[in-house]
Amino acid sequence: MKITEQEVRYVADLANLKLSDDEILTHMDTLNELDTSNVQPMAQVLYDADETATLRPDREWEPLGNEAALANAPQPGTGYYKVPKVIER
């Protein structure tokens, strides 16, 4: 299965990579050279499993509450977490 330019651009955007057209084509060529014929498809995270599965049962819990959720926040403010701006778009 060949990877498309659109897929490379999508993944690059998710990773906040600024790639030129030449870089994208180079990455596509490199990825298309890989032999993946013997690679098994990835399994879903949620699967039918027997008793030894490490999934916990779903149970109802009381909500945490705003005060408890913000108790260890370095900069709580008006009911929300205050965080520095990290993404520039």
Protein backbone atom coordinates (compact mmCIF):
# COMPACT_ATOMS: atom_id res chain seq x y z
CA MET A 1 0.00 0.00 0.00
CA LYS A 2 1.55 3.28 -1.08
CA ILE A 3 1.36 6.35 1.09
CA THR A 4 -0.06 9.45 -0.54
CA GLU A 5 1.13 13.03 -0.45
CA GLN A 6 -2.08 13.98 1.34
CA GLU A 7 -1.34 11.46 4.13
CA VAL A 8 2.22 12.78 4.55
CA ARG A 9 0.92 16.37 4.72
CA TYR A 10 -1.73 15.34 7.29
CA VAL A 11 0.77 13.58 9.58
CA ALA A 12 3.26 16.44 9.20
CA ASP A 13 0.56 18.89 10.21
CA LEU A 14 -0.33 16.80 13.27
CA ALA A 15 3.34 16.83 14.27
CA ASN A 16 3.58 20.60 13.61
CA LEU A 17 6.25 19.99 10.96
CA LYS A 18 6.76 22.57 8.26
CA LEU A 19 7.86 20.53 5.23
CA SER A 20 8.60 21.90 1.79
CA ASP A 21 7.18 20.16 -1.28
CA ASP A 22 10.62 18.63 -2.00
CA GLU A 23 10.87 17.27 1.55
CA ILE A 24 7.40 15.74 1.32
CA LEU A 25 8.21 13.99 -1.95
CA THR A 26 11.50 12.70 -0.47
CA HIS A 27 9.67 11.32 2.58
CA MET A 28 7.04 9.68 0.37
CA ASP A 29 9.71 8.02 -1.78
CA THR A 30 11.53 6.76 1.30
CA LEU A 31 8.36 5.35 2.86
CA ASN A 32 7.28 3.71 -0.41
CA GLU A 33 10.62 1.84 -0.60
CA LEU A 34 9.87 -0.07 2.62
CA ASP A 35 8.75 -3.68 2.22
CA THR A 36 5.71 -4.15 4.45
CA SER A 37 4.44 -7.35 2.86
CA ASN A 38 5.27 -9.43 5.98
CA VAL A 39 4.01 -6.87 8.51
CA GLN A 40 0.79 -7.81 10.25
CA PRO A 41 -1.87 -5.09 10.47
CA MET A 42 -2.16 -3.46 13.86
CA ALA A 43 -4.87 -4.77 16.16
CA GLN A 44 -7.45 -2.54 17.75
CA VAL A 45 -6.86 -1.50 21.33
CA LEU A 46 -10.30 -2.71 22.33
CA TYR A 47 -10.61 -6.41 21.69
CA ASP A 48 -12.47 -9.47 22.88
CA ALA A 49 -10.28 -10.94 25.59
CA ASP A 50 -10.50 -13.70 28.12
CA GLU A 51 -10.19 -13.45 31.92
CA THR A 52 -6.49 -12.57 31.79
CA ALA A 53 -7.12 -9.24 30.08
CA THR A 54 -5.86 -6.18 31.96
CA LEU A 55 -8.96 -4.11 31.25
CA ARG A 56 -10.79 -2.92 34.36
CA PRO A 57 -14.57 -3.17 34.64
CA ASP A 58 -16.60 -0.01 34.17
CA ARG A 59 -18.01 1.34 37.41
CA GLU A 60 -19.85 4.48 38.36
CA TRP A 61 -17.86 6.97 40.44
CA GLU A 62 -18.76 10.24 42.04
CA PRO A 63 -17.48 13.19 40.00
CA LEU A 64 -14.15 14.59 41.19
CA GLY A 65 -15.39 18.13 41.60
CA ASN A 66 -13.76 21.41 40.64
CA GLU A 67 -11.95 22.06 43.92
CA ALA A 68 -10.39 18.61 44.08
CA ALA A 69 -9.41 18.71 40.41
CA LEU A 70 -7.66 22.06 40.84
CA ALA A 71 -6.12 21.30 44.26
CA ASN A 72 -2.63 20.56 42.86
CA ALA A 73 -2.74 22.89 39.87
CA PRO A 74 0.29 25.22 39.80
CA GLN A 75 -1.88 28.15 38.67
CA PRO A 76 -5.59 27.57 39.25
CA GLY A 77 -7.84 30.38 38.20
CA THR A 78 -11.60 30.92 38.18
CA GLY A 79 -12.37 27.23 37.98
CA TYR A 80 -9.89 26.37 35.20
CA TYR A 81 -6.24 25.41 34.77
CA LYS A 82 -4.01 28.26 33.63
CA VAL A 83 -1.31 27.08 31.24
CA PRO A 84 1.22 28.94 29.11
CA LYS A 85 0.52 29.21 25.38
CA VAL A 86 2.50 26.49 23.62
CA ILE A 87 1.04 26.26 20.12
CA GLU A 88 1.41 28.99 17.54
CA ARG A 89 -0.89 28.71 14.54
